[in-house]
Amino acid sequence: MRRFISGLALFFCFLLVNSCSTGSDPEDIILDVFSVPAELTLQIENVFNDLAMDVNGIAMHKLEFTGDLITTNVAKCLKASVHRNSQTFVLDSIVLDYGTVTCSSNGAAFKGKVIVDPKDEDLKSFDIRLKDFKSYGYSITGAIEFQITGETAGKDFSMKMENAEFLISGTGETVYTVTVASINNVYTFFKSEEGLTDYTDDIFKFTTSLSGETPDGALFNLESSSDLIYAYSCKNIIGGKADFSLSDIGDGIVNFGGGDPESESDCDAKATVSAFGANISITL
């Protein structure tokens, strides 16, 4: 993360004054300036996928709860509680409380609370509220809509977020604010890796559309150009391609891998961004 913050500072310096003295070859400078916002964008995409998969796996996988706590396949650091209307006993909300110390849940790293509120009696549409929510150094605010799109909860779904802010601390008291105008992901259940009845080996195909703005006004966009593949066992995107663009800089192609959860090269939490005749390896 420290290397990323340093790169972020270089990126702002380049765009604002276009005269930072680095001693590097001009092509190397352009590559550095392009790779940092690409990494930022993929980190935001990764956090969003982590949250989507945790909400889907824990809160949606079985909506007919019999108790006040969800305990099956739930990390010890997470308290997942079910709240009902005291008179009608209709589901009122599901609260995923990750606590104030980093909680590793399905490979993700969360702090704070995620509150899931049903919007209809059929339990197909939900609002998601974030309270003091953090992930991988980002403090995240914004409202999220979750929609079950298939017949079975925990399988096909979509999740979108608009006008969100991802805040990350720099050196000293500096805080960078990345604005996410919108992110819209549509997930389709693909298969279970081991054929288990729980969600921990599920594999999903999905599409994504992510757009935002860096703290200094550069616009970025990530658009899937093929079905992307997410595997719970790898805790990351393991396959597919996406197009990445950055205003005033250029375009690149993101390759997430071949989509095989049993392949070490696909399940390595890395993506390759190809731009300006070079390949950039980015850790998700």
Protein backbone atom coordinates (compact mmCIF):
# COMPACT_ATOMS: atom_id res chain seq x y z
CA MET A 1 0.00 0.00 0.00
CA ARG A 2 2.92 2.37 0.70
CA ARG A 3 4.21 1.85 -2.86
CA PHE A 4 0.73 2.60 -4.18
CA ILE A 5 0.50 5.87 -2.20
CA SER A 6 3.88 6.96 -3.59
CA GLY A 7 2.66 6.18 -7.09
CA LEU A 8 -0.54 8.09 -6.46
CA ALA A 9 1.47 11.16 -5.48
CA LEU A 10 3.54 10.86 -8.68
CA PHE A 11 0.35 10.58 -10.72
CA PHE A 12 -1.10 13.80 -9.26
CA CYS A 13 2.21 15.59 -9.72
CA PHE A 14 2.36 14.59 -13.37
CA LEU A 15 -1.16 15.68 -14.23
CA LEU A 16 -1.14 18.91 -12.28
CA VAL A 17 2.21 20.39 -13.33
CA ASN A 18 3.45 17.93 -15.98
CA SER A 19 7.00 18.73 -14.91
CA CYS A 20 7.94 16.45 -12.00
CA SER A 21 11.65 15.76 -12.07
CA THR A 22 12.05 12.00 -11.90
CA GLY A 23 15.07 11.38 -14.08
CA SER A 24 13.12 8.65 -15.85
CA ASP A 25 12.62 8.07 -19.52
CA PRO A 26 9.42 9.88 -20.72
CA GLU A 27 7.86 6.57 -21.76
CA ASP A 28 8.51 5.20 -18.27
CA ILE A 29 6.83 8.24 -16.72
CA ILE A 30 3.75 7.77 -18.88
CA LEU A 31 3.64 4.08 -17.96
CA ASP A 32 3.93 4.90 -14.24
CA VAL A 33 1.22 7.53 -14.47
CA PHE A 34 -1.09 5.11 -16.28
CA SER A 35 -0.44 2.12 -14.03
CA VAL A 36 -1.28 3.85 -10.73
CA PRO A 37 -4.89 4.81 -11.56
CA ALA A 38 -5.30 1.40 -13.21
CA GLU A 39 -4.26 -0.21 -9.92
CA LEU A 40 -6.59 2.10 -8.00
CA THR A 41 -9.50 1.16 -10.27
CA LEU A 42 -8.85 -2.57 -9.94
CA GLN A 43 -8.61 -2.24 -6.16
CA ILE A 44 -12.01 -0.54 -6.08
CA GLU A 45 -13.42 -3.27 -8.33
CA ASN A 46 -11.93 -5.91 -6.04
CA VAL A 47 -13.36 -4.35 -2.88
CA PHE A 48 -16.78 -4.14 -4.51
CA ASN A 49 -16.64 -7.79 -5.55
CA ASP A 50 -15.52 -8.83 -2.06
CA LEU A 51 -18.49 -7.00 -0.55
CA ALA A 52 -20.92 -8.40 -3.12
CA MET A 53 -19.79 -11.95 -2.49
CA ASP A 54 -19.90 -11.60 1.29
CA VAL A 55 -23.41 -10.12 1.23
CA ASN A 56 -24.61 -12.73 -1.25
CA GLY A 57 -23.00 -15.68 0.49
CA ILE A 58 -23.86 -14.78 4.07
CA ALA A 59 -27.06 -12.71 3.93
CA MET A 60 -28.72 -14.02 0.75
CA HIS A 61 -27.69 -17.64 0.62
CA LYS A 62 -30.49 -18.61 2.97
CA LEU A 63 -33.10 -15.94 3.65
CA GLU A 64 -35.39 -18.17 5.76
CA PHE A 65 -33.43 -17.72 8.97
CA THR A 66 -34.46 -19.66 12.04
CA GLY A 67 -32.50 -17.67 14.63
CA ASP A 68 -31.22 -14.22 15.37
CA LEU A 69 -27.65 -14.98 14.30
CA ILE A 70 -26.14 -16.43 11.13
CA THR A 71 -23.35 -18.79 12.10
CA THR A 72 -22.87 -21.14 9.14
CA ASN A 73 -19.70 -20.37 7.14
CA VAL A 74 -19.27 -17.07 8.98
CA ALA A 75 -15.85 -15.83 10.11
CA LYS A 76 -15.33 -15.70 13.88
CA CYS A 77 -14.60 -11.98 13.68
CA LEU A 78 -17.97 -11.29 12.02
CA LYS A 79 -21.28 -11.00 13.87
CA ALA A 80 -24.11 -11.53 11.40
CA SER A 81 -27.44 -10.73 13.05
CA VAL A 82 -31.02 -11.00 11.80
CA HIS A 83 -33.59 -8.41 12.87
CA ARG A 84 -37.35 -8.79 12.47
CA ASN A 85 -40.38 -6.64 13.07
CA SER A 86 -41.42 -7.29 16.66
CA GLN A 87 -45.11 -7.63 15.73
CA THR A 88 -45.16 -9.23 12.28
CA PHE A 89 -41.80 -11.04 12.53
CA VAL A 90 -41.13 -9.97 8.93
CA LEU A 91 -37.44 -9.54 8.11
CA ASP A 92 -36.43 -5.97 8.92
CA SER A 93 -32.66 -6.03 8.32
CA ILE A 94 -29.52 -8.14 8.33
CA VAL A 95 -26.47 -6.56 9.95
CA LEU A 96 -22.96 -7.74 9.14
CA ASP A 97 -20.77 -6.32 11.91
CA TYR A 98 -17.08 -6.76 11.08
CA GLY A 99 -15.94 -4.86 14.17
CA THR A 100 -13.29 -2.16 14.51
CA VAL A 101 -10.27 -4.39 13.84
CA THR A 102 -9.68 -5.79 10.36
CA CYS A 103 -11.84 -8.87 9.85
CA SER A 104 -10.90 -11.41 7.21
CA SER A 105 -14.13 -12.77 5.73
CA ASN A 106 -13.95 -14.98 2.63
CA GLY A 107 -10.52 -13.54 1.96
CA ALA A 108 -11.69 -9.93 2.18
CA ALA A 109 -10.54 -7.39 4.77
CA PHE A 110 -13.36 -5.36 6.30
CA LYS A 111 -14.08 -3.06 9.23
CA GLY A 112 -17.38 -1.49 10.25
CA LYS A 113 -20.94 -2.51 9.50
CA VAL A 114 -22.93 -3.49 6.42
CA ILE A 115 -26.69 -3.16 6.90
CA VAL A 116 -28.97 -4.98 4.45
CA ASP A 117 -32.56 -3.69 4.30
CA PRO A 118 -35.31 -5.47 2.28
CA LYS A 119 -37.21 -3.19 -0.12
CA ASP A 120 -40.06 -5.60 -0.96
CA GLU A 121 -42.03 -8.40 0.67
CA ASP A 122 -40.75 -10.91 -1.88
CA LEU A 123 -37.20 -10.36 -0.60
CA LYS A 124 -35.79 -9.72 -4.06
CA SER A 125 -34.62 -6.11 -3.74
CA PHE A 126 -32.45 -4.71 -0.97
CA ASP A 127 -30.75 -1.48 0.05
CA ILE A 128 -27.28 -1.78 1.57
CA ARG A 129 -25.98 0.85 3.96
CA LEU A 130 -22.36 1.18 5.01
CA LYS A 131 -21.49 2.41 8.51
CA ASP A 132 -17.87 3.28 9.36
CA PHE A 133 -16.95 0.84 6.61
CA LYS A 134 -13.33 0.30 5.57
CA SER A 135 -11.52 -2.15 3.32
CA TYR A 136 -7.85 -2.37 2.35
CA GLY A 137 -7.09 1.15 3.55
CA TYR A 138 -10.16 2.77 1.98
CA SER A 139 -12.92 4.44 3.98
CA ILE A 140 -16.00 3.93 1.84
CA THR A 141 -19.32 5.79 1.77
CA GLY A 142 -22.28 5.41 -0.55
CA ALA A 143 -25.62 3.65 -0.98
CA ILE A 144 -25.83 0.26 -2.68
CA GLU A 145 -28.70 -1.55 -4.38
CA PHE A 146 -28.79 -5.34 -4.37
CA GLN A 147 -31.17 -7.33 -6.57
CA ILE A 148 -31.77 -11.08 -6.66
CA THR A 149 -32.27 -11.73 -10.37
CA GLY A 150 -32.77 -15.51 -10.35
CA GLU A 151 -35.21 -17.89 -8.71
CA THR A 152 -32.82 -18.98 -5.95
CA ALA A 153 -31.29 -16.60 -3.42
CA GLY A 154 -27.51 -16.84 -3.34
CA LYS A 155 -27.19 -17.53 -7.07
CA ASP A 156 -27.90 -14.89 -9.75
CA PHE A 157 -27.85 -11.27 -8.55
CA SER A 158 -26.80 -7.72 -9.35
CA MET A 159 -25.29 -4.99 -7.22
CA LYS A 160 -24.78 -1.33 -8.08
CA MET A 161 -23.46 1.74 -6.32
CA GLU A 162 -23.61 5.41 -7.33
CA ASN A 163 -21.99 8.63 -6.13
CA ALA A 164 -19.68 6.81 -3.75
CA GLU A 165 -16.43 8.01 -2.21
CA PHE A 166 -13.31 5.96 -1.54
CA LEU A 167 -11.01 7.85 0.82
CA ILE A 168 -7.41 6.78 1.32
CA SER A 169 -4.84 8.40 3.60
CA GLY A 170 -1.57 9.61 2.13
CA THR A 171 1.47 10.92 3.95
CA GLY A 172 0.89 13.04 7.03
CA GLU A 173 -2.67 14.33 7.18
CA THR A 174 -3.27 14.10 3.44
CA VAL A 175 -6.42 12.24 2.45
CA TYR A 176 -7.15 11.43 -1.20
CA THR A 177 -10.80 11.16 -2.27
CA VAL A 178 -11.64 8.99 -5.25
CA THR A 179 -15.18 9.55 -6.50
CA VAL A 180 -16.99 6.57 -7.98
CA ALA A 181 -19.78 7.88 -10.20
CA SER A 182 -21.19 4.40 -10.67
CA ILE A 183 -20.34 0.74 -10.51
CA ASN A 184 -22.79 -1.82 -11.81
CA ASN A 185 -22.05 -5.55 -11.61
CA VAL A 186 -24.29 -8.41 -12.76
CA TYR A 187 -23.41 -11.86 -11.39
CA THR A 188 -24.53 -15.26 -12.73
CA PHE A 189 -23.88 -18.48 -10.84
CA PHE A 190 -21.57 -20.66 -12.95
CA LYS A 191 -20.82 -23.77 -10.92
CA SER A 192 -19.66 -25.18 -7.58
CA GLU A 193 -16.05 -26.26 -7.60
CA GLU A 194 -16.55 -29.25 -5.31
CA GLY A 195 -20.30 -29.64 -5.51
CA LEU A 196 -20.82 -28.59 -1.88
CA THR A 197 -24.14 -27.26 -0.62
CA ASP A 198 -22.64 -24.11 0.89
CA TYR A 199 -21.36 -21.11 -1.06
CA THR A 200 -17.66 -21.31 -0.22
CA ASP A 201 -16.72 -23.10 -3.44
CA ASP A 202 -19.07 -21.23 -5.80
CA ILE A 203 -17.82 -19.75 -9.05
CA PHE A 204 -19.59 -16.82 -10.74
CA LYS A 205 -19.48 -15.21 -14.15
CA PHE A 206 -20.14 -11.48 -14.12
CA THR A 207 -19.95 -8.22 -16.04
CA THR A 208 -18.86 -4.87 -14.66
CA SER A 209 -19.10 -1.22 -15.55
CA LEU A 210 -17.13 1.14 -13.30
CA SER A 211 -16.55 4.87 -13.78
CA GLY A 212 -15.04 7.47 -11.51
CA GLU A 213 -12.76 10.43 -11.00
CA THR A 214 -9.39 10.77 -9.32
CA PRO A 215 -8.88 13.54 -6.72
CA ASP A 216 -7.43 15.87 -9.38
CA GLY A 217 -10.18 15.35 -11.94
CA ALA A 218 -8.89 12.58 -14.21
CA LEU A 219 -11.74 10.35 -15.36
CA PHE A 220 -11.32 6.57 -15.38
CA ASN A 221 -13.50 3.78 -16.71
CA LEU A 222 -13.41 -0.01 -16.46
CA GLU A 223 -15.72 -2.03 -18.71
CA SER A 224 -15.75 -5.81 -19.01
CA SER A 225 -15.18 -6.92 -22.60
CA SER A 226 -16.00 -10.56 -21.82
CA ASP A 227 -17.54 -12.44 -18.93
CA LEU A 228 -15.30 -12.12 -15.89
CA ILE A 229 -14.95 -15.04 -13.50
CA TYR A 230 -14.87 -14.86 -9.70
CA ALA A 231 -14.06 -17.89 -7.54
CA TYR A 232 -14.69 -17.95 -3.79
CA SER A 233 -11.80 -20.39 -3.35
CA CYS A 234 -9.39 -17.86 -4.89
CA LYS A 235 -11.11 -14.82 -3.32
CA ASN A 236 -10.55 -12.85 -6.53
CA ILE A 237 -11.36 -12.43 -10.20
CA ILE A 238 -9.56 -15.27 -11.96
CA GLY A 239 -10.59 -14.90 -15.60
CA GLY A 240 -11.80 -12.65 -18.39
CA LYS A 241 -10.82 -9.29 -19.86
CA ALA A 242 -11.84 -5.69 -19.41
CA ASP A 243 -11.10 -2.36 -21.10
CA PHE A 244 -9.57 0.40 -18.99
CA SER A 245 -9.43 4.05 -20.04
CA LEU A 246 -7.99 7.17 -18.42
CA SER A 247 -8.78 10.65 -19.68
CA ASP A 248 -5.87 12.51 -21.34
CA ILE A 249 -3.65 9.44 -20.92
CA GLY A 250 -5.00 6.54 -22.99
CA ASP A 251 -6.49 3.06 -22.98
CA GLY A 252 -5.40 -0.36 -21.82
CA ILE A 253 -6.60 -3.97 -21.68
CA VAL A 254 -6.89 -5.83 -18.38
CA ASN A 255 -6.38 -9.60 -18.47
CA PHE A 256 -7.49 -11.39 -15.30
CA GLY A 257 -6.45 -14.89 -16.39
CA GLY A 258 -7.90 -18.05 -17.87
CA GLY A 259 -10.59 -18.66 -15.26
CA ASP A 260 -9.33 -21.95 -13.78
CA PRO A 261 -9.47 -21.92 -9.94
CA GLU A 262 -7.07 -24.86 -9.84
CA SER A 263 -4.46 -23.01 -11.90
CA GLU A 264 -1.79 -21.29 -9.80
CA SER A 265 -1.33 -18.59 -12.44
CA ASP A 266 -5.08 -17.82 -12.54
CA CYS A 267 -5.59 -17.99 -8.77
CA ASP A 268 -2.64 -15.69 -7.95
CA ALA A 269 -4.55 -12.48 -7.14
CA LYS A 270 -2.91 -10.70 -10.06
CA ALA A 271 -4.06 -9.05 -13.27
CA THR A 272 -2.07 -7.84 -16.26
CA VAL A 273 -2.73 -4.44 -17.79
CA SER A 274 -1.42 -4.00 -21.34
CA ALA A 275 -0.86 -0.40 -22.44
CA PHE A 276 1.63 1.62 -24.52
CA GLY A 277 3.33 -1.56 -25.68
CA ALA A 278 4.06 -2.72 -22.13
CA ASN A 279 2.49 -5.16 -19.67
CA ILE A 280 1.85 -4.08 -16.09
CA SER A 281 1.33 -6.69 -13.37
CA ILE A 282 -1.10 -5.49 -10.68
CA THR A 283 -1.92 -7.26 -7.41
CA LEU A 284 -5.64 -7.29 -6.69
